[in-house]
Amino acid sequence: LLDGGAPFYGVYETADGEHMAIGALEPRFYAELLAGLGLDGL
């Protein structure tokens, strides 16, 4: 969960070559992550 194995706890590259850190472990936080990314409902 905490070593980069979980896709919802890790670091992702952005369009400008920078990075975002996500730690959406709990389901309700994960739901907000998907909503922000436009992936909610999937």
PDB file of all heavy atoms in Angstrom:
ATOM      1  N   LEU A   1       0.798  -1.220   0.000  1.00  0.00           N
ATOM      2  CA  LEU A   1       0.000   0.000   0.000  1.00  0.00           C
ATOM      3  C   LEU A   1       0.830   1.269   0.000  1.00  0.00           C
ATOM      4  O   LEU A   1       0.487   2.250  -0.652  1.00  0.00           O
ATOM      5  CB  LEU A   1      -0.931   0.016   1.222  1.00  0.00           C
ATOM      6  CG  LEU A   1      -2.276  -0.704   1.112  1.00  0.00           C
ATOM      7  CD1 LEU A   1      -3.043  -0.543   2.422  1.00  0.00           C
ATOM      8  CD2 LEU A   1      -3.093  -0.156  -0.043  1.00  0.00           C
ATOM      9  N   LEU A   2       1.923   1.302   0.769  1.00  0.00           N
ATOM     10  CA  LEU A   2       2.644   2.555   1.008  1.00  0.00           C
ATOM     11  C   LEU A   2       3.980   2.643   0.292  1.00  0.00           C
ATOM     12  O   LEU A   2       4.724   3.610   0.512  1.00  0.00           O
ATOM     13  CB  LEU A   2       2.862   2.739   2.514  1.00  0.00           C
ATOM     14  CG  LEU A   2       1.591   2.702   3.375  1.00  0.00           C
ATOM     15  CD1 LEU A   2       1.942   2.862   4.836  1.00  0.00           C
ATOM     16  CD2 LEU A   2       0.615   3.781   2.936  1.00  0.00           C
ATOM     17  N   ASP A   3       4.336   1.679  -0.532  1.00  0.00           N
ATOM     18  CA  ASP A   3       5.648   1.703  -1.196  1.00  0.00           C
ATOM     19  C   ASP A   3       5.545   1.930  -2.700  1.00  0.00           C
ATOM     20  O   ASP A   3       6.486   1.648  -3.435  1.00  0.00           O
ATOM     21  CB  ASP A   3       6.401   0.394  -0.908  1.00  0.00           C
ATOM     22  CG  ASP A   3       5.705  -0.835  -1.484  1.00  0.00           C
ATOM     23  OD1 ASP A   3       4.621  -0.688  -2.087  1.00  0.00           O
ATOM     24  OD2 ASP A   3       6.249  -1.948  -1.329  1.00  0.00           O
ATOM     25  N   GLY A   4       4.424   2.454  -3.143  1.00  0.00           N
ATOM     26  CA  GLY A   4       4.240   2.673  -4.573  1.00  0.00           C
ATOM     27  C   GLY A   4       3.542   1.532  -5.273  1.00  0.00           C
ATOM     28  O   GLY A   4       3.250   1.629  -6.471  1.00  0.00           O
ATOM     29  N   GLY A   5       3.258   0.459  -4.558  1.00  0.00           N
ATOM     30  CA  GLY A   5       2.579  -0.672  -5.175  1.00  0.00           C
ATOM     31  C   GLY A   5       1.128  -0.369  -5.501  1.00  0.00           C
ATOM     32  O   GLY A   5       0.610  -0.787  -6.539  1.00  0.00           O
ATOM     33  N   ALA A   6       0.456   0.360  -4.611  1.00  0.00           N
ATOM     34  CA  ALA A   6      -0.942   0.719  -4.833  1.00  0.00           C
ATOM     35  C   ALA A   6      -1.018   1.909  -5.778  1.00  0.00           C
ATOM     36  O   ALA A   6      -0.369   2.927  -5.546  1.00  0.00           O
ATOM     37  CB  ALA A   6      -1.614   1.058  -3.507  1.00  0.00           C
ATOM     38  N   PRO A   7      -1.812   1.829  -6.839  1.00  0.00           N
ATOM     39  CA  PRO A   7      -1.882   2.941  -7.801  1.00  0.00           C
ATOM     40  C   PRO A   7      -2.484   4.207  -7.223  1.00  0.00           C
ATOM     41  O   PRO A   7      -2.273   5.293  -7.764  1.00  0.00           O
ATOM     42  CB  PRO A   7      -2.763   2.375  -8.928  1.00  0.00           C
ATOM     43  CG  PRO A   7      -3.508   1.247  -8.327  1.00  0.00           C
ATOM     44  CD  PRO A   7      -2.626   0.674  -7.261  1.00  0.00           C
ATOM     45  N   PHE A   8      -3.198   4.088  -6.108  1.00  0.00           N
ATOM     46  CA  PHE A   8      -3.812   5.265  -5.486  1.00  0.00           C
ATOM     47  C   PHE A   8      -2.945   5.834  -4.360  1.00  0.00           C
ATOM     48  O   PHE A   8      -3.403   6.657  -3.573  1.00  0.00           O
ATOM     49  CB  PHE A   8      -5.214   4.916  -4.957  1.00  0.00           C
ATOM     50  CG  PHE A   8      -5.294   3.581  -4.284  1.00  0.00           C
ATOM     51  CD1 PHE A   8      -4.994   3.450  -2.944  1.00  0.00           C
ATOM     52  CD2 PHE A   8      -5.652   2.454  -5.006  1.00  0.00           C
ATOM     53  CE1 PHE A   8      -5.043   2.216  -2.320  1.00  0.00           C
ATOM     54  CE2 PHE A   8      -5.713   1.209  -4.382  1.00  0.00           C
ATOM     55  CZ  PHE A   8      -5.410   1.082  -3.043  1.00  0.00           C
ATOM     56  N   TYR A   9      -1.700   5.370  -4.264  1.00  0.00           N
ATOM     57  CA  TYR A   9      -0.735   5.946  -3.312  1.00  0.00           C
ATOM     58  C   TYR A   9       0.614   5.985  -4.022  1.00  0.00           C
ATOM     59  O   TYR A   9       1.382   5.030  -3.995  1.00  0.00           O
ATOM     60  CB  TYR A   9      -0.652   5.105  -2.033  1.00  0.00           C
ATOM     61  CG  TYR A   9       0.039   5.811  -0.877  1.00  0.00           C
ATOM     62  CD1 TYR A   9      -0.693   6.492   0.080  1.00  0.00           C
ATOM     63  CD2 TYR A   9       1.426   5.804  -0.759  1.00  0.00           C
ATOM     64  CE1 TYR A   9      -0.072   7.139   1.138  1.00  0.00           C
ATOM     65  CE2 TYR A   9       2.054   6.451   0.289  1.00  0.00           C
ATOM     66  CZ  TYR A   9       1.311   7.118   1.236  1.00  0.00           C
ATOM     67  OH  TYR A   9       1.930   7.767   2.276  1.00  0.00           O
ATOM     68  N   GLY A  10       0.880   7.097  -4.672  1.00  0.00           N
ATOM     69  CA  GLY A  10       2.113   7.177  -5.449  1.00  0.00           C
ATOM     70  C   GLY A  10       2.268   8.533  -6.110  1.00  0.00           C
ATOM     71  O   GLY A  10       1.604   9.514  -5.732  1.00  0.00           O
ATOM     72  N   VAL A  11       3.137   8.595  -7.093  1.00  0.00           N
ATOM     73  CA  VAL A  11       3.485   9.842  -7.762  1.00  0.00           C
ATOM     74  C   VAL A  11       3.238   9.680  -9.257  1.00  0.00           C
ATOM     75  O   VAL A  11       3.612   8.665  -9.849  1.00  0.00           O
ATOM     76  CB  VAL A  11       4.960  10.215  -7.493  1.00  0.00           C
ATOM     77  CG1 VAL A  11       5.361  11.455  -8.261  1.00  0.00           C
ATOM     78  CG2 VAL A  11       5.189  10.417  -5.997  1.00  0.00           C
ATOM     79  N   TYR A  12       2.638  10.717  -9.871  1.00  0.00           N
ATOM     80  CA  TYR A  12       2.304  10.664 -11.290  1.00  0.00           C
ATOM     81  C   TYR A  12       2.857  11.887 -12.015  1.00  0.00           C
ATOM     82  O   TYR A  12       2.805  13.010 -11.498  1.00  0.00           O
ATOM     83  CB  TYR A  12       0.792  10.590 -11.480  1.00  0.00           C
ATOM     84  CG  TYR A  12       0.231   9.237 -11.110  1.00  0.00           C
ATOM     85  CD1 TYR A  12      -0.201   8.982  -9.809  1.00  0.00           C
ATOM     86  CD2 TYR A  12       0.150   8.214 -12.040  1.00  0.00           C
ATOM     87  CE1 TYR A  12      -0.696   7.737  -9.453  1.00  0.00           C
ATOM     88  CE2 TYR A  12      -0.351   6.960 -11.695  1.00  0.00           C
ATOM     89  CZ  TYR A  12      -0.766   6.735 -10.404  1.00  0.00           C
ATOM     90  OH  TYR A  12      -1.253   5.500 -10.060  1.00  0.00           O
ATOM     91  N   GLU A  13       3.348  11.649 -13.213  1.00  0.00           N
ATOM     92  CA  GLU A  13       3.891  12.727 -14.044  1.00  0.00           C
ATOM     93  C   GLU A  13       2.755  13.511 -14.678  1.00  0.00           C
ATOM     94  O   GLU A  13       1.723  12.955 -15.066  1.00  0.00           O
ATOM     95  CB  GLU A  13       4.806  12.159 -15.119  1.00  0.00           C
ATOM     96  CG  GLU A  13       5.525  13.245 -15.917  1.00  0.00           C
ATOM     97  CD  GLU A  13       6.518  12.671 -16.916  1.00  0.00           C
ATOM     98  OE1 GLU A  13       6.540  11.437 -17.089  1.00  0.00           O
ATOM     99  OE2 GLU A  13       7.259  13.461 -17.530  1.00  0.00           O
ATOM    100  N   THR A  14       2.974  14.815 -14.807  1.00  0.00           N
ATOM    101  CA  THR A  14       1.981  15.694 -15.413  1.00  0.00           C
ATOM    102  C   THR A  14       2.450  16.141 -16.798  1.00  0.00           C
ATOM    103  O   THR A  14       3.552  15.802 -17.234  1.00  0.00           O
ATOM    104  CB  THR A  14       1.735  16.914 -14.516  1.00  0.00           C
ATOM    105  OG1 THR A  14       2.986  17.563 -14.232  1.00  0.00           O
ATOM    106  CG2 THR A  14       1.100  16.479 -13.199  1.00  0.00           C
ATOM    107  N   ALA A  15       1.606  16.929 -17.479  1.00  0.00           N
ATOM    108  CA  ALA A  15       1.883  17.293 -18.870  1.00  0.00           C
ATOM    109  C   ALA A  15       3.174  18.079 -19.029  1.00  0.00           C
ATOM    110  O   ALA A  15       3.800  18.052 -20.102  1.00  0.00           O
ATOM    111  CB  ALA A  15       0.704  18.092 -19.434  1.00  0.00           C
ATOM    112  N   ASP A  16       3.599  18.783 -18.002  1.00  0.00           N
ATOM    113  CA  ASP A  16       4.805  19.608 -18.085  1.00  0.00           C
ATOM    114  C   ASP A  16       6.031  18.910 -17.516  1.00  0.00           C
ATOM    115  O   ASP A  16       7.065  19.547 -17.280  1.00  0.00           O
ATOM    116  CB  ASP A  16       4.587  20.936 -17.368  1.00  0.00           C
ATOM    117  CG  ASP A  16       4.109  20.772 -15.934  1.00  0.00           C
ATOM    118  OD1 ASP A  16       3.773  19.632 -15.539  1.00  0.00           O
ATOM    119  OD2 ASP A  16       4.054  21.781 -15.200  1.00  0.00           O
ATOM    120  N   GLY A  17       5.946  17.603 -17.280  1.00  0.00           N
ATOM    121  CA  GLY A  17       7.100  16.879 -16.761  1.00  0.00           C
ATOM    122  C   GLY A  17       7.280  16.999 -15.265  1.00  0.00           C
ATOM    123  O   GLY A  17       8.258  16.471 -14.722  1.00  0.00           O
ATOM    124  N   GLU A  18       6.342  17.658 -14.587  1.00  0.00           N
ATOM    125  CA  GLU A  18       6.373  17.729 -13.134  1.00  0.00           C
ATOM    126  C   GLU A  18       5.568  16.553 -12.569  1.00  0.00           C
ATOM    127  O   GLU A  18       5.202  15.643 -13.315  1.00  0.00           O
ATOM    128  CB  GLU A  18       5.802  19.072 -12.662  1.00  0.00           C
ATOM    129  CG  GLU A  18       6.562  20.279 -13.187  1.00  0.00           C
ATOM    130  CD  GLU A  18       7.956  20.403 -12.625  1.00  0.00           C
ATOM    131  OE1 GLU A  18       8.243  19.788 -11.579  1.00  0.00           O
ATOM    132  OE2 GLU A  18       8.781  21.116 -13.224  1.00  0.00           O
ATOM    133  N   HIS A  19       5.272  16.590 -11.275  1.00  0.00           N
ATOM    134  CA  HIS A  19       4.615  15.429 -10.663  1.00  0.00           C
ATOM    135  C   HIS A  19       3.582  15.842  -9.623  1.00  0.00           C
ATOM    136  O   HIS A  19       3.707  16.896  -8.988  1.00  0.00           O
ATOM    137  CB  HIS A  19       5.648  14.508 -10.015  1.00  0.00           C
ATOM    138  CG  HIS A  19       6.586  13.883 -11.001  1.00  0.00           C
ATOM    139  ND1 HIS A  19       7.740  14.515 -11.431  1.00  0.00           N
ATOM    140  CD2 HIS A  19       6.529  12.698 -11.668  1.00  0.00           C
ATOM    141  CE1 HIS A  19       8.366  13.740 -12.306  1.00  0.00           C
ATOM    142  NE2 HIS A  19       7.655  12.638 -12.458  1.00  0.00           N
ATOM    143  N   MET A  20       2.603  14.956  -9.447  1.00  0.00           N
ATOM    144  CA  MET A  20       1.607  15.075  -8.381  1.00  0.00           C
ATOM    145  C   MET A  20       1.707  13.850  -7.485  1.00  0.00           C
ATOM    146  O   MET A  20       1.934  12.736  -7.972  1.00  0.00           O
ATOM    147  CB  MET A  20       0.196  15.170  -8.948  1.00  0.00           C
ATOM    148  CG  MET A  20      -0.062  16.395  -9.805  1.00  0.00           C
ATOM    149  SD  MET A  20      -0.026  17.946  -8.866  1.00  0.00           S
ATOM    150  CE  MET A  20      -1.523  17.787  -7.883  1.00  0.00           C
ATOM    151  N   ALA A  21       1.536  14.055  -6.186  1.00  0.00           N
ATOM    152  CA  ALA A  21       1.544  12.961  -5.212  1.00  0.00           C
ATOM    153  C   ALA A  21       0.116  12.686  -4.773  1.00  0.00           C
ATOM    154  O   ALA A  21      -0.626  13.624  -4.440  1.00  0.00           O
ATOM    155  CB  ALA A  21       2.399  13.333  -4.003  1.00  0.00           C
ATOM    156  N   ILE A  22      -0.281  11.418  -4.787  1.00  0.00           N
ATOM    157  CA  ILE A  22      -1.636  11.068  -4.353  1.00  0.00           C
ATOM    158  C   ILE A  22      -1.551  10.039  -3.235  1.00  0.00           C
ATOM    159  O   ILE A  22      -0.690   9.167  -3.237  1.00  0.00           O
ATOM    160  CB  ILE A  22      -2.504  10.545  -5.512  1.00  0.00           C
ATOM    161  CG1 ILE A  22      -2.023   9.171  -6.003  1.00  0.00           C
ATOM    162  CG2 ILE A  22      -2.511  11.535  -6.666  1.00  0.00           C
ATOM    163  CD1 ILE A  22      -2.974   8.532  -6.985  1.00  0.00           C
ATOM    164  N   GLY A  23      -2.471  10.188  -2.272  1.00  0.00           N
ATOM    165  CA  GLY A  23      -2.528   9.248  -1.148  1.00  0.00           C
ATOM    166  C   GLY A  23      -3.962   8.916  -0.800  1.00  0.00           C
ATOM    167  O   GLY A  23      -4.341   8.959   0.369  1.00  0.00           O
ATOM    168  N   ALA A  24      -4.760   8.611  -1.826  1.00  0.00           N
ATOM    169  CA  ALA A  24      -6.192   8.384  -1.640  1.00  0.00           C
ATOM    170  C   ALA A  24      -6.464   6.952  -1.189  1.00  0.00           C
ATOM    171  O   ALA A  24      -7.010   6.139  -1.935  1.00  0.00           O
ATOM    172  CB  ALA A  24      -6.933   8.699  -2.938  1.00  0.00           C
ATOM    173  N   LEU A  25      -6.101   6.629   0.031  1.00  0.00           N
ATOM    174  CA  LEU A  25      -6.243   5.264   0.539  1.00  0.00           C
ATOM    175  C   LEU A  25      -7.696   4.911   0.845  1.00  0.00           C
ATOM    176  O   LEU A  25      -8.186   3.857   0.443  1.00  0.00           O
ATOM    177  CB  LEU A  25      -5.388   5.090   1.792  1.00  0.00           C
ATOM    178  CG  LEU A  25      -3.870   5.136   1.605  1.00  0.00           C
ATOM    179  CD1 LEU A  25      -3.179   5.180   2.968  1.00  0.00           C
ATOM    180  CD2 LEU A  25      -3.385   3.945   0.804  1.00  0.00           C
ATOM    181  N   GLU A  26      -8.383   5.784   1.570  1.00  0.00           N
ATOM    182  CA  GLU A  26      -9.749   5.493   1.980  1.00  0.00           C
ATOM    183  C   GLU A  26     -10.706   5.631   0.796  1.00  0.00           C
ATOM    184  O   GLU A  26     -10.537   6.515  -0.049  1.00  0.00           O
ATOM    185  CB  GLU A  26     -10.170   6.430   3.111  1.00  0.00           C
ATOM    186  CG  GLU A  26      -9.387   6.237   4.403  1.00  0.00           C
ATOM    187  CD  GLU A  26      -8.049   6.960   4.443  1.00  0.00           C
ATOM    188  OE1 GLU A  26      -7.651   7.523   3.403  1.00  0.00           O
ATOM    189  OE2 GLU A  26      -7.401   6.955   5.500  1.00  0.00           O
ATOM    190  N   PRO A  27     -11.746   4.793   0.739  1.00  0.00           N
ATOM    191  CA  PRO A  27     -12.672   4.822  -0.397  1.00  0.00           C
ATOM    192  C   PRO A  27     -13.269   6.195  -0.677  1.00  0.00           C
ATOM    193  O   PRO A  27     -13.398   6.602  -1.835  1.00  0.00           O
ATOM    194  CB  PRO A  27     -13.743   3.800   0.003  1.00  0.00           C
ATOM    195  CG  PRO A  27     -13.015   2.822   0.866  1.00  0.00           C
ATOM    196  CD  PRO A  27     -12.035   3.657   1.647  1.00  0.00           C
ATOM    197  N   ARG A  28     -13.639   6.938   0.367  1.00  0.00           N
ATOM    198  CA  ARG A  28     -14.258   8.240   0.106  1.00  0.00           C
ATOM    199  C   ARG A  28     -13.258   9.246  -0.448  1.00  0.00           C
ATOM    200  O   ARG A  28     -13.615  10.104  -1.245  1.00  0.00           O
ATOM    201  CB  ARG A  28     -14.949   8.772   1.367  1.00  0.00           C
ATOM    202  CG  ARG A  28     -14.030   9.087   2.541  1.00  0.00           C
ATOM    203  CD  ARG A  28     -14.868   9.394   3.794  1.00  0.00           C
ATOM    204  NE  ARG A  28     -14.054   9.736   4.946  1.00  0.00           N
ATOM    205  CZ  ARG A  28     -13.725  10.980   5.263  1.00  0.00           C
ATOM    206  NH1 ARG A  28     -14.137  11.994   4.528  1.00  0.00           N
ATOM    207  NH2 ARG A  28     -12.992  11.218   6.342  1.00  0.00           N
ATOM    208  N   PHE A  29     -12.000   9.132  -0.033  1.00  0.00           N
ATOM    209  CA  PHE A  29     -10.976   9.997  -0.598  1.00  0.00           C
ATOM    210  C   PHE A  29     -10.675   9.584  -2.038  1.00  0.00           C
ATOM    211  O   PHE A  29     -10.450  10.424  -2.915  1.00  0.00           O
ATOM    212  CB  PHE A  29      -9.709   9.952   0.241  1.00  0.00           C
ATOM    213  CG  PHE A  29      -9.897  10.422   1.665  1.00  0.00           C
ATOM    214  CD1 PHE A  29      -9.045   9.989   2.673  1.00  0.00           C
ATOM    215  CD2 PHE A  29     -10.914  11.297   2.001  1.00  0.00           C
ATOM    216  CE1 PHE A  29      -9.211  10.415   3.977  1.00  0.00           C
ATOM    217  CE2 PHE A  29     -11.091  11.742   3.307  1.00  0.00           C
ATOM    218  CZ  PHE A  29     -10.240  11.290   4.296  1.00  0.00           C
ATOM    219  N   TYR A  30     -10.674   8.277  -2.270  1.00  0.00           N
ATOM    220  CA  TYR A  30     -10.439   7.759  -3.615  1.00  0.00           C
ATOM    221  C   TYR A  30     -11.545   8.217  -4.573  1.00  0.00           C
ATOM    222  O   TYR A  30     -11.286   8.555  -5.730  1.00  0.00           O
ATOM    223  CB  TYR A  30     -10.377   6.238  -3.568  1.00  0.00           C
ATOM    224  CG  TYR A  30     -10.154   5.564  -4.902  1.00  0.00           C
ATOM    225  CD1 TYR A  30      -8.963   5.720  -5.589  1.00  0.00           C
ATOM    226  CD2 TYR A  30     -11.155   4.772  -5.466  1.00  0.00           C
ATOM    227  CE1 TYR A  30      -8.759   5.094  -6.813  1.00  0.00           C
ATOM    228  CE2 TYR A  30     -10.959   4.128  -6.674  1.00  0.00           C
ATOM    229  CZ  TYR A  30      -9.758   4.303  -7.352  1.00  0.00           C
ATOM    230  OH  TYR A  30      -9.560   3.687  -8.562  1.00  0.00           O
ATOM    231  N   ALA A  31     -12.769   8.272  -4.059  1.00  0.00           N
ATOM    232  CA  ALA A  31     -13.877   8.745  -4.889  1.00  0.00           C
ATOM    233  C   ALA A  31     -13.661  10.200  -5.306  1.00  0.00           C
ATOM    234  O   ALA A  31     -13.953  10.589  -6.458  1.00  0.00           O
ATOM    235  CB  ALA A  31     -15.203   8.595  -4.141  1.00  0.00           C
ATOM    236  N   GLU A  32     -13.126  11.015  -4.390  1.00  0.00           N
ATOM    237  CA  GLU A  32     -12.846  12.410  -4.736  1.00  0.00           C
ATOM    238  C   GLU A  32     -11.707  12.514  -5.740  1.00  0.00           C
ATOM    239  O   GLU A  32     -11.702  13.391  -6.606  1.00  0.00           O
ATOM    240  CB  GLU A  32     -12.537  13.217  -3.479  1.00  0.00           C
ATOM    241  CG  GLU A  32     -13.741  13.410  -2.573  1.00  0.00           C
ATOM    242  CD  GLU A  32     -13.731  14.759  -1.877  1.00  0.00           C
ATOM    243  OE1 GLU A  32     -13.186  15.735  -2.435  1.00  0.00           O
ATOM    244  OE2 GLU A  32     -14.275  14.829  -0.759  1.00  0.00           O
ATOM    245  N   LEU A  33     -10.731  11.619  -5.631  1.00  0.00           N
ATOM    246  CA  LEU A  33      -9.653  11.585  -6.618  1.00  0.00           C
ATOM    247  C   LEU A  33     -10.228  11.321  -8.009  1.00  0.00           C
ATOM    248  O   LEU A  33      -9.904  12.032  -8.973  1.00  0.00           O
ATOM    249  CB  LEU A  33      -8.641  10.505  -6.247  1.00  0.00           C
ATOM    250  CG  LEU A  33      -7.594  10.162  -7.322  1.00  0.00           C
ATOM    251  CD1 LEU A  33      -6.647  11.340  -7.538  1.00  0.00           C
ATOM    252  CD2 LEU A  33      -6.818   8.910  -6.936  1.00  0.00           C
ATOM    253  N   LEU A  34     -11.065  10.308  -8.123  1.00  0.00           N
ATOM    254  CA  LEU A  34     -11.646   9.981  -9.428  1.00  0.00           C
ATOM    255  C   LEU A  34     -12.496  11.130  -9.954  1.00  0.00           C
ATOM    256  O   LEU A  34     -12.473  11.439 -11.155  1.00  0.00           O
ATOM    257  CB  LEU A  34     -12.483   8.714  -9.316  1.00  0.00           C
ATOM    258  CG  LEU A  34     -11.741   7.418  -8.954  1.00  0.00           C
ATOM    259  CD1 LEU A  34     -12.705   6.235  -9.008  1.00  0.00           C
ATOM    260  CD2 LEU A  34     -10.549   7.186  -9.864  1.00  0.00           C
ATOM    261  N   ALA A  35     -13.223  11.795  -9.060  1.00  0.00           N
ATOM    262  CA  ALA A  35     -14.046  12.919  -9.489  1.00  0.00           C
ATOM    263  C   ALA A  35     -13.187  14.042 -10.050  1.00  0.00           C
ATOM    264  O   ALA A  35     -13.498  14.627 -11.096  1.00  0.00           O
ATOM    265  CB  ALA A  35     -14.890  13.417  -8.321  1.00  0.00           C
ATOM    266  N   GLY A  36     -12.099  14.348  -9.362  1.00  0.00           N
ATOM    267  CA  GLY A  36     -11.219  15.410  -9.844  1.00  0.00           C
ATOM    268  C   GLY A  36     -10.575  15.079 -11.176  1.00  0.00           C
ATOM    269  O   GLY A  36     -10.334  15.962 -12.009  1.00  0.00           O
ATOM    270  N   LEU A  37     -10.291  13.799 -11.386  1.00  0.00           N
ATOM    271  CA  LEU A  37      -9.677  13.364 -12.643  1.00  0.00           C
ATOM    272  C   LEU A  37     -10.696  13.171 -13.761  1.00  0.00           C
ATOM    273  O   LEU A  37     -10.318  12.905 -14.910  1.00  0.00           O
ATOM    274  CB  LEU A  37      -8.917  12.046 -12.426  1.00  0.00           C
ATOM    275  CG  LEU A  37      -7.669  12.105 -11.547  1.00  0.00           C
ATOM    276  CD1 LEU A  37      -7.148  10.696 -11.277  1.00  0.00           C
ATOM    277  CD2 LEU A  37      -6.586  12.958 -12.189  1.00  0.00           C
ATOM    278  N   GLY A  38     -11.974  13.302 -13.425  1.00  0.00           N
ATOM    279  CA  GLY A  38     -13.002  13.071 -14.424  1.00  0.00           C
ATOM    280  C   GLY A  38     -13.261  11.603 -14.681  1.00  0.00           C
ATOM    281  O   GLY A  38     -13.795  11.226 -15.727  1.00  0.00           O
ATOM    282  N   LEU A  39     -12.896  10.757 -13.721  1.00  0.00           N
ATOM    283  CA  LEU A  39     -13.069   9.308 -13.879  1.00  0.00           C
ATOM    284  C   LEU A  39     -14.153   8.759 -12.961  1.00  0.00           C
ATOM    285  O   LEU A  39     -14.313   7.544 -12.859  1.00  0.00           O
ATOM    286  CB  LEU A  39     -11.753   8.578 -13.584  1.00  0.00           C
ATOM    287  CG  LEU A  39     -10.573   8.917 -14.492  1.00  0.00           C
ATOM    288  CD1 LEU A  39      -9.316   8.215 -14.005  1.00  0.00           C
ATOM    289  CD2 LEU A  39     -10.877   8.527 -15.931  1.00  0.00           C
ATOM    290  N   ASP A  40     -14.912   9.631 -12.286  1.00  0.00           N
ATOM    291  CA  ASP A  40     -15.945   9.141 -11.385  1.00  0.00           C
ATOM    292  C   ASP A  40     -17.049   8.457 -12.187  1.00  0.00           C
ATOM    293  O   ASP A  40     -17.351   8.814 -13.316  1.00  0.00           O
ATOM    294  CB  ASP A  40     -16.537  10.275 -10.552  1.00  0.00           C
ATOM    295  CG  ASP A  40     -16.963  11.462 -11.403  1.00  0.00           C
ATOM    296  OD1 ASP A  40     -16.288  11.733 -12.408  1.00  0.00           O
ATOM    297  OD2 ASP A  40     -17.969  12.115 -11.061  1.00  0.00           O
ATOM    298  N   GLY A  41     -17.628   7.444 -11.569  1.00  0.00           N
ATOM    299  CA  GLY A  41     -18.631   6.639 -12.243  1.00  0.00           C
ATOM    300  C   GLY A  41     -18.032   5.464 -12.976  1.00  0.00           C
ATOM    301  O   GLY A  41     -18.747   4.606 -13.492  1.00  0.00           O
ATOM    302  N   LEU A  42     -16.687   5.412 -13.029  1.00  0.00           N
ATOM    303  CA  LEU A  42     -16.009   4.308 -13.717  1.00  0.00           C
ATOM    304  C   LEU A  42     -15.204   3.497 -12.714  1.00  0.00           C
ATOM    305  O   LEU A  42     -14.064   3.136 -12.959  1.00  0.00           O
ATOM    306  CB  LEU A  42     -15.086   4.855 -14.809  1.00  0.00           C
ATOM    307  CG  LEU A  42     -15.745   5.740 -15.877  1.00  0.00           C
ATOM    308  CD1 LEU A  42     -14.685   6.243 -16.850  1.00  0.00           C
ATOM    309  CD2 LEU A  42     -16.824   4.985 -16.619  1.00  0.00           C
TER     310      LEU A  42
END
